Amino acid sequence: MARKGDRNRRREDWGTDQLLFDKLNDIFEFDMDCAAEDYNAKCENYISPSQNALVTPWIGKCFLNHPYGSAKQDSIWMDRAFDQVHNGDADLVVSVTKASVGARWWKEHVLDKANKIVFLIGRPKFQQYNEYGQRLESTSPMYDVCIAFFCKPTVYSVHMWRPNRLSWWDWRK
């Protein structure tokens, strides 16, 4: 039985911190948001749950704040990002994801596959919505967050922005 207030904690439509998205978008100029609802999409072109981002092709420079879930669910999203860059039409996927550095799924699906990983100094606030798509409070997660970059070798902006494969970024400055 769900306790009062538990409903929003289980929702998967948390919007990305606008400041974090704006800073990334200023650098990469995204073409598509690969996991969004009408009310929290960050790009004009986006893939909604009804379109199913796990089967719909991703195109160009893609932003991804996937629905966080179990290790298996998170792994599926990271594998999809990798696949869309290496076997599809995505040139770049910039994914906001959990920095679960001690977890096997993270090592196998983020560390082993991402071209670059940038750990965030300071946790972003994710926007909650109610069942009608109305904004509620913004909340920081209880875990650390990183940006995983999956890209074709020709996407030099990723490599020039942060030259090391692993780095840290104080994104609030």
N, C-alpha and C. Protein backbone atom coordinates (compact mmCIF):
# COMPACT_ATOMS: atom_id res chain seq x y z
N MET A 1 0.84 -1.19 0.00
CA MET A 1 0.00 0.00 0.00
C MET A 1 0.89 1.25 0.00
N ALA A 2 0.56 2.14 -0.85
CA ALA A 2 1.35 3.38 -0.95
C ALA A 2 0.99 4.34 0.17
N ARG A 3 2.00 4.95 0.74
CA ARG A 3 1.77 5.98 1.75
C ARG A 3 1.49 7.29 1.05
N LYS A 4 0.89 8.20 1.78
CA LYS A 4 0.63 9.53 1.24
C LYS A 4 1.95 10.16 0.81
N GLY A 5 1.99 10.66 -0.41
CA GLY A 5 3.19 11.30 -0.93
C GLY A 5 4.10 10.36 -1.71
N ASP A 6 3.87 9.04 -1.62
CA ASP A 6 4.72 8.09 -2.34
C ASP A 6 4.51 8.14 -3.84
N ARG A 7 3.35 8.55 -4.30
CA ARG A 7 3.04 8.51 -5.72
C ARG A 7 4.07 9.27 -6.54
N ASN A 8 4.41 10.47 -6.14
CA ASN A 8 5.35 11.27 -6.93
C ASN A 8 6.76 10.71 -6.88
N ARG A 9 7.14 10.02 -5.79
CA ARG A 9 8.47 9.44 -5.73
C ARG A 9 8.63 8.33 -6.75
N ARG A 10 7.56 7.67 -7.13
CA ARG A 10 7.63 6.58 -8.09
C ARG A 10 7.43 7.04 -9.51
N ARG A 11 7.03 8.27 -9.70
CA ARG A 11 6.80 8.77 -11.06
C ARG A 11 8.12 8.81 -11.81
N GLU A 12 8.05 8.66 -13.11
CA GLU A 12 9.26 8.63 -13.93
C GLU A 12 9.39 9.86 -14.81
N ASP A 13 8.58 10.87 -14.59
CA ASP A 13 8.58 12.03 -15.49
C ASP A 13 9.23 13.26 -14.87
N TRP A 14 10.26 13.05 -14.10
CA TRP A 14 10.96 14.15 -13.47
C TRP A 14 11.68 14.97 -14.52
N GLY A 15 11.46 16.26 -14.52
CA GLY A 15 12.10 17.14 -15.49
C GLY A 15 13.52 17.49 -15.08
N THR A 16 14.36 17.67 -16.06
CA THR A 16 15.76 18.02 -15.85
C THR A 16 15.88 19.45 -15.31
N ASP A 17 16.83 19.64 -14.42
CA ASP A 17 17.15 20.96 -13.91
C ASP A 17 17.38 21.89 -15.10
N GLN A 18 16.63 22.98 -15.18
CA GLN A 18 16.69 23.86 -16.35
C GLN A 18 18.07 24.49 -16.53
N LEU A 19 18.71 24.89 -15.44
CA LEU A 19 20.04 25.49 -15.53
C LEU A 19 21.04 24.48 -16.12
N LEU A 20 20.99 23.23 -15.64
CA LEU A 20 21.88 22.21 -16.16
C LEU A 20 21.63 21.98 -17.65
N PHE A 21 20.36 21.83 -18.03
CA PHE A 21 20.06 21.63 -19.45
C PHE A 21 20.54 22.81 -20.28
N ASP A 22 20.26 24.03 -19.84
CA ASP A 22 20.65 25.22 -20.61
C ASP A 22 22.15 25.27 -20.84
N LYS A 23 22.93 24.95 -19.81
CA LYS A 23 24.38 24.98 -19.97
C LYS A 23 24.85 23.92 -20.96
N LEU A 24 24.27 22.73 -20.90
CA LEU A 24 24.63 21.68 -21.86
C LEU A 24 24.16 22.04 -23.27
N ASN A 25 22.98 22.58 -23.37
CA ASN A 25 22.43 22.94 -24.68
C ASN A 25 23.22 24.08 -25.32
N ASP A 26 23.73 24.99 -24.52
CA ASP A 26 24.58 26.07 -25.06
C ASP A 26 25.83 25.50 -25.73
N ILE A 27 26.31 24.39 -25.20
CA ILE A 27 27.52 23.76 -25.74
C ILE A 27 27.20 22.87 -26.95
N PHE A 28 26.15 22.04 -26.82
CA PHE A 28 25.93 20.99 -27.81
C PHE A 28 24.76 21.24 -28.77
N GLU A 29 23.88 22.18 -28.47
CA GLU A 29 22.75 22.52 -29.35
C GLU A 29 21.98 21.27 -29.78
N PHE A 30 21.25 20.69 -28.84
CA PHE A 30 20.55 19.43 -29.04
C PHE A 30 19.46 19.52 -30.10
N ASP A 31 19.31 18.43 -30.84
CA ASP A 31 18.25 18.28 -31.84
C ASP A 31 17.02 17.58 -31.27
N MET A 32 17.23 16.75 -30.24
CA MET A 32 16.14 15.89 -29.78
C MET A 32 16.27 15.59 -28.29
N ASP A 33 15.14 15.53 -27.59
CA ASP A 33 15.04 15.04 -26.22
C ASP A 33 14.48 13.63 -26.34
N CYS A 34 15.23 12.65 -25.92
CA CYS A 34 14.87 11.25 -26.19
C CYS A 34 13.96 10.60 -25.15
N ALA A 35 13.58 11.31 -24.11
CA ALA A 35 12.67 10.75 -23.11
C ALA A 35 11.93 11.89 -22.43
N ALA A 36 10.78 12.27 -22.97
CA ALA A 36 10.09 13.44 -22.45
C ALA A 36 8.58 13.31 -22.56
N GLU A 37 7.90 14.13 -21.84
CA GLU A 37 6.45 14.31 -21.94
C GLU A 37 6.21 15.67 -22.56
N ASP A 38 4.98 15.95 -22.97
CA ASP A 38 4.66 17.26 -23.54
C ASP A 38 5.05 18.38 -22.58
N TYR A 39 4.86 18.18 -21.29
CA TYR A 39 5.05 19.24 -20.31
C TYR A 39 6.46 19.35 -19.76
N ASN A 40 7.37 18.42 -20.10
CA ASN A 40 8.73 18.56 -19.58
C ASN A 40 9.80 18.41 -20.66
N ALA A 41 9.40 18.42 -21.92
CA ALA A 41 10.35 18.29 -23.03
C ALA A 41 11.30 19.49 -23.05
N LYS A 42 12.56 19.22 -23.29
CA LYS A 42 13.57 20.27 -23.35
C LYS A 42 13.88 20.70 -24.78
N CYS A 43 13.46 19.93 -25.76
CA CYS A 43 13.70 20.25 -27.16
C CYS A 43 12.37 20.21 -27.92
N GLU A 44 12.33 20.94 -29.02
CA GLU A 44 11.13 20.94 -29.84
C GLU A 44 10.82 19.53 -30.35
N ASN A 45 11.85 18.80 -30.75
CA ASN A 45 11.69 17.40 -31.17
C ASN A 45 11.96 16.52 -29.96
N TYR A 46 11.00 15.69 -29.61
CA TYR A 46 11.19 14.80 -28.47
C TYR A 46 10.43 13.50 -28.69
N ILE A 47 10.83 12.49 -27.93
CA ILE A 47 10.18 11.19 -27.99
C ILE A 47 9.41 11.01 -26.69
N SER A 48 8.10 10.82 -26.82
CA SER A 48 7.22 10.65 -25.66
C SER A 48 7.11 9.16 -25.31
N PRO A 49 6.59 8.85 -24.13
CA PRO A 49 6.41 7.44 -23.77
C PRO A 49 5.55 6.67 -24.77
N SER A 50 4.54 7.32 -25.33
CA SER A 50 3.70 6.62 -26.30
C SER A 50 4.46 6.30 -27.59
N GLN A 51 5.51 7.06 -27.89
CA GLN A 51 6.34 6.79 -29.07
C GLN A 51 7.43 5.76 -28.76
N ASN A 52 7.70 5.52 -27.50
CA ASN A 52 8.64 4.53 -27.01
C ASN A 52 10.06 4.74 -27.54
N ALA A 53 10.85 5.45 -26.78
CA ALA A 53 12.22 5.78 -27.16
C ALA A 53 13.12 4.56 -27.27
N LEU A 54 12.67 3.43 -26.77
CA LEU A 54 13.49 2.23 -26.87
C LEU A 54 13.34 1.55 -28.24
N VAL A 55 12.38 2.03 -29.05
CA VAL A 55 12.24 1.50 -30.42
C VAL A 55 12.26 2.60 -31.48
N THR A 56 11.92 3.83 -31.11
CA THR A 56 11.93 4.95 -32.05
C THR A 56 13.37 5.39 -32.30
N PRO A 57 13.75 5.63 -33.56
CA PRO A 57 15.12 6.08 -33.85
C PRO A 57 15.43 7.45 -33.24
N TRP A 58 16.66 7.60 -32.77
CA TRP A 58 17.17 8.86 -32.26
C TRP A 58 18.00 9.49 -33.38
N ILE A 59 17.90 10.81 -33.52
CA ILE A 59 18.55 11.47 -34.65
C ILE A 59 19.35 12.69 -34.17
N GLY A 60 20.56 12.85 -34.72
CA GLY A 60 21.35 14.04 -34.47
C GLY A 60 21.99 14.06 -33.10
N LYS A 61 21.99 15.25 -32.49
CA LYS A 61 22.55 15.45 -31.15
C LYS A 61 21.42 15.33 -30.15
N CYS A 62 21.50 14.31 -29.32
CA CYS A 62 20.38 13.93 -28.45
C CYS A 62 20.66 14.20 -26.98
N PHE A 63 19.65 14.70 -26.29
CA PHE A 63 19.68 14.86 -24.85
C PHE A 63 18.85 13.74 -24.25
N LEU A 64 19.33 13.16 -23.15
CA LEU A 64 18.59 12.07 -22.50
C LEU A 64 18.64 12.22 -20.99
N ASN A 65 17.49 12.38 -20.39
CA ASN A 65 17.31 12.23 -18.94
C ASN A 65 16.29 11.10 -18.83
N HIS A 66 16.80 9.88 -18.86
CA HIS A 66 15.93 8.70 -18.91
C HIS A 66 15.17 8.50 -17.60
N PRO A 67 14.05 7.76 -17.67
CA PRO A 67 13.34 7.43 -16.43
C PRO A 67 14.24 6.53 -15.56
N TYR A 68 14.59 6.99 -14.39
CA TYR A 68 15.44 6.20 -13.50
C TYR A 68 14.61 5.08 -12.90
N GLY A 69 15.24 3.93 -12.79
CA GLY A 69 14.54 2.78 -12.23
C GLY A 69 15.53 1.81 -11.64
N SER A 70 15.27 0.53 -11.88
CA SER A 70 16.15 -0.52 -11.39
C SER A 70 17.45 -0.52 -12.20
N ALA A 71 18.42 -1.27 -11.73
CA ALA A 71 19.68 -1.40 -12.46
C ALA A 71 19.42 -1.93 -13.87
N LYS A 72 18.50 -2.87 -14.00
CA LYS A 72 18.18 -3.42 -15.32
C LYS A 72 17.60 -2.34 -16.24
N GLN A 73 16.67 -1.55 -15.72
CA GLN A 73 16.06 -0.48 -16.52
C GLN A 73 17.09 0.57 -16.92
N ASP A 74 17.94 0.98 -15.99
CA ASP A 74 18.97 1.98 -16.29
C ASP A 74 19.95 1.44 -17.33
N SER A 75 20.29 0.16 -17.23
CA SER A 75 21.19 -0.48 -18.20
C SER A 75 20.59 -0.46 -19.60
N ILE A 76 19.31 -0.72 -19.70
CA ILE A 76 18.63 -0.72 -21.01
C ILE A 76 18.76 0.64 -21.68
N TRP A 77 18.58 1.72 -20.92
CA TRP A 77 18.69 3.07 -21.48
C TRP A 77 20.11 3.37 -21.93
N MET A 78 21.10 2.97 -21.14
CA MET A 78 22.50 3.22 -21.52
C MET A 78 22.86 2.41 -22.77
N ASP A 79 22.39 1.17 -22.84
CA ASP A 79 22.64 0.35 -24.03
C ASP A 79 21.96 0.95 -25.26
N ARG A 80 20.79 1.50 -25.09
CA ARG A 80 20.08 2.13 -26.20
C ARG A 80 20.87 3.35 -26.70
N ALA A 81 21.39 4.16 -25.78
CA ALA A 81 22.18 5.33 -26.17
C ALA A 81 23.41 4.88 -26.97
N PHE A 82 24.11 3.87 -26.48
CA PHE A 82 25.29 3.34 -27.16
C PHE A 82 24.91 2.84 -28.56
N ASP A 83 23.83 2.08 -28.64
CA ASP A 83 23.39 1.51 -29.91
C ASP A 83 22.98 2.58 -30.92
N GLN A 84 22.29 3.61 -30.47
CA GLN A 84 21.83 4.65 -31.40
C GLN A 84 22.99 5.45 -31.98
N VAL A 85 24.08 5.57 -31.24
CA VAL A 85 25.26 6.26 -31.75
C VAL A 85 26.04 5.35 -32.70
N HIS A 86 26.20 4.09 -32.33
CA HIS A 86 27.06 3.20 -33.11
C HIS A 86 26.34 2.48 -34.25
N ASN A 87 25.03 2.33 -34.15
CA ASN A 87 24.28 1.62 -35.19
C ASN A 87 23.11 2.41 -35.75
N GLY A 88 22.90 3.61 -35.26
CA GLY A 88 21.76 4.41 -35.69
C GLY A 88 22.17 5.76 -36.22
N ASP A 89 21.24 6.70 -36.17
CA ASP A 89 21.44 8.03 -36.74
C ASP A 89 21.76 9.10 -35.71
N ALA A 90 21.99 8.71 -34.47
CA ALA A 90 22.40 9.68 -33.46
C ALA A 90 23.90 9.92 -33.58
N ASP A 91 24.30 11.19 -33.60
CA ASP A 91 25.72 11.54 -33.62
C ASP A 91 26.28 11.63 -32.21
N LEU A 92 25.40 12.02 -31.28
CA LEU A 92 25.80 12.28 -29.91
C LEU A 92 24.61 12.04 -29.01
N VAL A 93 24.83 11.38 -27.87
CA VAL A 93 23.82 11.28 -26.81
C VAL A 93 24.49 11.76 -25.54
N VAL A 94 23.90 12.78 -24.93
CA VAL A 94 24.35 13.32 -23.66
C VAL A 94 23.30 12.90 -22.64
N SER A 95 23.68 11.99 -21.76
CA SER A 95 22.72 11.39 -20.83
C SER A 95 22.99 11.80 -19.39
N VAL A 96 21.99 12.35 -18.74
CA VAL A 96 22.03 12.62 -17.30
C VAL A 96 21.61 11.31 -16.63
N THR A 97 22.49 10.73 -15.84
CA THR A 97 22.19 9.44 -15.24
C THR A 97 22.79 9.34 -13.84
N LYS A 98 22.44 8.30 -13.14
CA LYS A 98 22.98 8.07 -11.80
C LYS A 98 24.48 7.79 -11.91
N ALA A 99 25.22 8.27 -10.93
CA ALA A 99 26.65 7.98 -10.84
C ALA A 99 26.83 6.84 -9.84
N SER A 100 26.35 5.67 -10.21
CA SER A 100 26.41 4.50 -9.33
C SER A 100 27.72 3.75 -9.54
N VAL A 101 28.82 4.40 -9.20
CA VAL A 101 30.15 3.90 -9.56
C VAL A 101 30.49 2.55 -8.95
N GLY A 102 29.83 2.17 -7.88
CA GLY A 102 30.11 0.87 -7.25
C GLY A 102 29.23 -0.25 -7.76
N ALA A 103 28.31 0.05 -8.66
CA ALA A 103 27.36 -0.95 -9.15
C ALA A 103 27.85 -1.61 -10.43
N ARG A 104 27.62 -2.89 -10.55
CA ARG A 104 28.05 -3.63 -11.74
C ARG A 104 27.41 -3.07 -13.00
N TRP A 105 26.10 -2.71 -12.95
CA TRP A 105 25.43 -2.21 -14.15
C TRP A 105 26.13 -0.94 -14.66
N TRP A 106 26.56 -0.09 -13.71
CA TRP A 106 27.18 1.17 -14.09
C TRP A 106 28.53 0.93 -14.76
N LYS A 107 29.32 0.01 -14.21
CA LYS A 107 30.61 -0.31 -14.81
C LYS A 107 30.42 -0.87 -16.22
N GLU A 108 29.48 -1.81 -16.39
CA GLU A 108 29.30 -2.49 -17.67
C GLU A 108 28.59 -1.65 -18.73
N HIS A 109 27.71 -0.75 -18.31
CA HIS A 109 26.87 -0.03 -19.27
C HIS A 109 27.17 1.46 -19.39
N VAL A 110 27.90 2.02 -18.43
CA VAL A 110 28.30 3.43 -18.51
C VAL A 110 29.82 3.51 -18.66
N LEU A 111 30.55 3.05 -17.66
CA LEU A 111 32.01 3.17 -17.69
C LEU A 111 32.63 2.47 -18.90
N ASP A 112 32.15 1.28 -19.23
CA ASP A 112 32.74 0.52 -20.34
C ASP A 112 32.28 0.99 -21.71
N LYS A 113 31.18 1.74 -21.80
CA LYS A 113 30.62 2.09 -23.11
C LYS A 113 30.64 3.58 -23.44
N ALA A 114 30.56 4.43 -22.45
CA ALA A 114 30.51 5.88 -22.72
C ALA A 114 31.88 6.39 -23.18
N ASN A 115 31.88 7.33 -24.10
CA ASN A 115 33.12 7.94 -24.56
C ASN A 115 33.71 8.86 -23.50
N LYS A 116 32.83 9.45 -22.72
CA LYS A 116 33.26 10.42 -21.72
C LYS A 116 32.23 10.42 -20.59
N ILE A 117 32.71 10.62 -19.36
CA ILE A 117 31.83 10.70 -18.20
C ILE A 117 32.26 11.93 -17.41
N VAL A 118 31.30 12.79 -17.14
CA VAL A 118 31.57 14.00 -16.37
C VAL A 118 30.71 13.94 -15.10
N PHE A 119 31.39 13.92 -13.96
CA PHE A 119 30.70 13.90 -12.68
C PHE A 119 30.34 15.32 -12.30
N LEU A 120 29.14 15.50 -11.80
CA LEU A 120 28.67 16.84 -11.44
C LEU A 120 29.05 17.16 -10.00
N ILE A 121 29.59 18.34 -9.81
CA ILE A 121 29.83 18.85 -8.46
C ILE A 121 28.56 19.58 -8.08
N GLY A 122 27.86 19.04 -7.13
CA GLY A 122 26.56 19.56 -6.74
C GLY A 122 25.46 18.80 -7.46
N ARG A 123 24.43 18.46 -6.74
CA ARG A 123 23.33 17.69 -7.32
C ARG A 123 22.30 18.63 -7.95
N PRO A 124 21.90 18.32 -9.18
CA PRO A 124 20.85 19.14 -9.80
C PRO A 124 19.50 18.89 -9.12
N LYS A 125 18.59 19.81 -9.32
CA LYS A 125 17.22 19.63 -8.81
C LYS A 125 16.35 19.20 -9.98
N PHE A 126 15.63 18.12 -9.78
CA PHE A 126 14.72 17.62 -10.80
C PHE A 126 13.31 18.09 -10.49
N GLN A 127 12.60 18.49 -11.51
CA GLN A 127 11.26 19.04 -11.38
C GLN A 127 10.23 17.93 -11.30
N GLN A 128 9.41 17.95 -10.25
CA GLN A 128 8.31 17.00 -10.11
C GLN A 128 7.07 17.56 -10.79
N TYR A 129 6.22 16.65 -11.25
CA TYR A 129 4.94 17.00 -11.86
C TYR A 129 3.87 16.12 -11.25
N ASN A 130 2.63 16.63 -11.20
CA ASN A 130 1.54 15.77 -10.76
C ASN A 130 0.98 15.01 -11.95
N GLU A 131 -0.08 14.23 -11.72
CA GLU A 131 -0.63 13.40 -12.79
C GLU A 131 -1.24 14.20 -13.93
N TYR A 132 -1.39 15.52 -13.76
CA TYR A 132 -1.95 16.39 -14.80
C TYR A 132 -0.86 17.19 -15.52
N GLY A 133 0.40 16.92 -15.20
CA GLY A 133 1.50 17.63 -15.84
C GLY A 133 1.77 19.00 -15.25
N GLN A 134 1.20 19.29 -14.07
CA GLN A 134 1.44 20.58 -13.43
C GLN A 134 2.69 20.48 -12.57
N ARG A 135 3.49 21.56 -12.60
CA ARG A 135 4.73 21.59 -11.82
C ARG A 135 4.45 21.54 -10.33
N LEU A 136 5.28 20.77 -9.66
CA LEU A 136 5.29 20.74 -8.20
C LEU A 136 6.66 21.24 -7.77
N GLU A 137 7.17 20.74 -6.68
CA GLU A 137 8.47 21.19 -6.19
C GLU A 137 9.62 20.61 -7.00
N SER A 138 10.78 21.22 -6.87
CA SER A 138 12.01 20.67 -7.43
C SER A 138 12.78 20.02 -6.29
N THR A 139 13.36 18.86 -6.57
CA THR A 139 14.04 18.09 -5.54
C THR A 139 15.34 17.53 -6.06
N SER A 140 16.37 17.56 -5.23
CA SER A 140 17.64 16.91 -5.58
C SER A 140 17.54 15.43 -5.23
N PRO A 141 18.13 14.56 -6.04
CA PRO A 141 18.10 13.13 -5.72
C PRO A 141 18.99 12.81 -4.54
N MET A 142 18.82 11.62 -3.99
CA MET A 142 19.63 11.18 -2.86
C MET A 142 20.93 10.54 -3.33
N TYR A 143 21.20 10.56 -4.60
CA TYR A 143 22.40 9.94 -5.16
C TYR A 143 23.11 10.95 -6.05
N ASP A 144 24.37 10.66 -6.33
CA ASP A 144 25.14 11.53 -7.21
C ASP A 144 24.72 11.31 -8.66
N VAL A 145 24.97 12.32 -9.48
CA VAL A 145 24.56 12.30 -10.88
C VAL A 145 25.78 12.60 -11.75
N CYS A 146 25.80 11.98 -12.92
CA CYS A 146 26.87 12.26 -13.87
C CYS A 146 26.27 12.46 -15.26
N ILE A 147 27.10 12.91 -16.17
CA ILE A 147 26.71 13.04 -17.57
C ILE A 147 27.54 12.01 -18.33
N ALA A 148 26.86 11.08 -19.00
CA ALA A 148 27.53 10.08 -19.83
C ALA A 148 27.39 10.50 -21.28
N PHE A 149 28.50 10.55 -21.99
CA PHE A 149 28.51 10.96 -23.39
C PHE A 149 28.78 9.75 -24.27
N PHE A 150 27.91 9.54 -25.22
CA PHE A 150 28.08 8.51 -26.23
C PHE A 150 28.14 9.26 -27.56
N CYS A 151 29.22 9.08 -28.32
CA CYS A 151 29.33 9.86 -29.55
C CYS A 151 30.13 9.15 -30.62
N LYS A 152 29.86 9.54 -31.84
CA LYS A 152 30.66 9.09 -32.97
C LYS A 152 32.01 9.80 -32.88
N PRO A 153 33.06 9.20 -33.43
CA PRO A 153 34.39 9.83 -33.36
C PRO A 153 34.45 11.21 -33.99
N THR A 154 33.54 11.52 -34.87
CA THR A 154 33.57 12.81 -35.56
C THR A 154 32.99 13.96 -34.75
N VAL A 155 32.42 13.66 -33.59
CA VAL A 155 31.84 14.71 -32.74
C VAL A 155 32.94 15.27 -31.84
N TYR A 156 33.69 16.22 -32.37
CA TYR A 156 34.86 16.74 -31.67
C TYR A 156 34.51 17.64 -30.50
N SER A 157 33.33 18.23 -30.51
CA SER A 157 32.97 19.16 -29.43
C SER A 157 33.01 18.49 -28.07
N VAL A 158 32.66 17.22 -27.99
CA VAL A 158 32.69 16.50 -26.71
C VAL A 158 34.13 16.37 -26.23
N HIS A 159 35.02 16.01 -27.14
CA HIS A 159 36.40 15.79 -26.75
C HIS A 159 37.11 17.11 -26.42
N MET A 160 36.74 18.18 -27.09
CA MET A 160 37.37 19.47 -26.83
C MET A 160 36.83 20.10 -25.55
N TRP A 161 35.56 19.86 -25.23
CA TRP A 161 34.96 20.49 -24.05
C TRP A 161 35.64 20.01 -22.78
N ARG A 162 35.82 18.74 -22.65
CA ARG A 162 36.49 18.14 -21.50
C ARG A 162 37.49 17.12 -22.06
N PRO A 163 38.79 17.42 -22.11
CA PRO A 163 39.73 16.54 -22.81
C PRO A 163 39.91 15.17 -22.16
N ASN A 164 39.71 15.03 -20.87
CA ASN A 164 39.89 13.74 -20.21
C ASN A 164 38.62 12.91 -20.28
N ARG A 165 38.76 11.60 -20.33
CA ARG A 165 37.59 10.73 -20.41
C ARG A 165 36.73 10.84 -19.15
N LEU A 166 37.36 10.96 -17.99
CA LEU A 166 36.65 11.16 -16.73
C LEU A 166 37.01 12.54 -16.19
N SER A 167 35.99 13.32 -15.86
CA SER A 167 36.26 14.64 -15.30
C SER A 167 35.11 15.07 -14.41
N TRP A 168 35.28 16.21 -13.78
CA TRP A 168 34.29 16.78 -12.88
C TRP A 168 33.95 18.17 -13.37
N TRP A 169 32.70 18.59 -13.10
CA TRP A 169 32.23 19.89 -13.58
C TRP A 169 31.36 20.53 -12.52
N ASP A 170 31.73 21.72 -12.10
CA ASP A 170 30.88 22.50 -11.20
C ASP A 170 29.94 23.30 -12.09
N TRP A 171 28.87 22.68 -12.48
CA TRP A 171 27.94 23.19 -13.49
C TRP A 171 27.15 24.41 -13.02
N ARG A 172 27.17 24.71 -11.75
CA ARG A 172 26.40 25.87 -11.24
C ARG A 172 27.15 27.16 -11.40
N LYS A 173 28.43 27.12 -11.76
CA LYS A 173 29.23 28.34 -11.93
C LYS A 173 29.11 28.85 -13.34
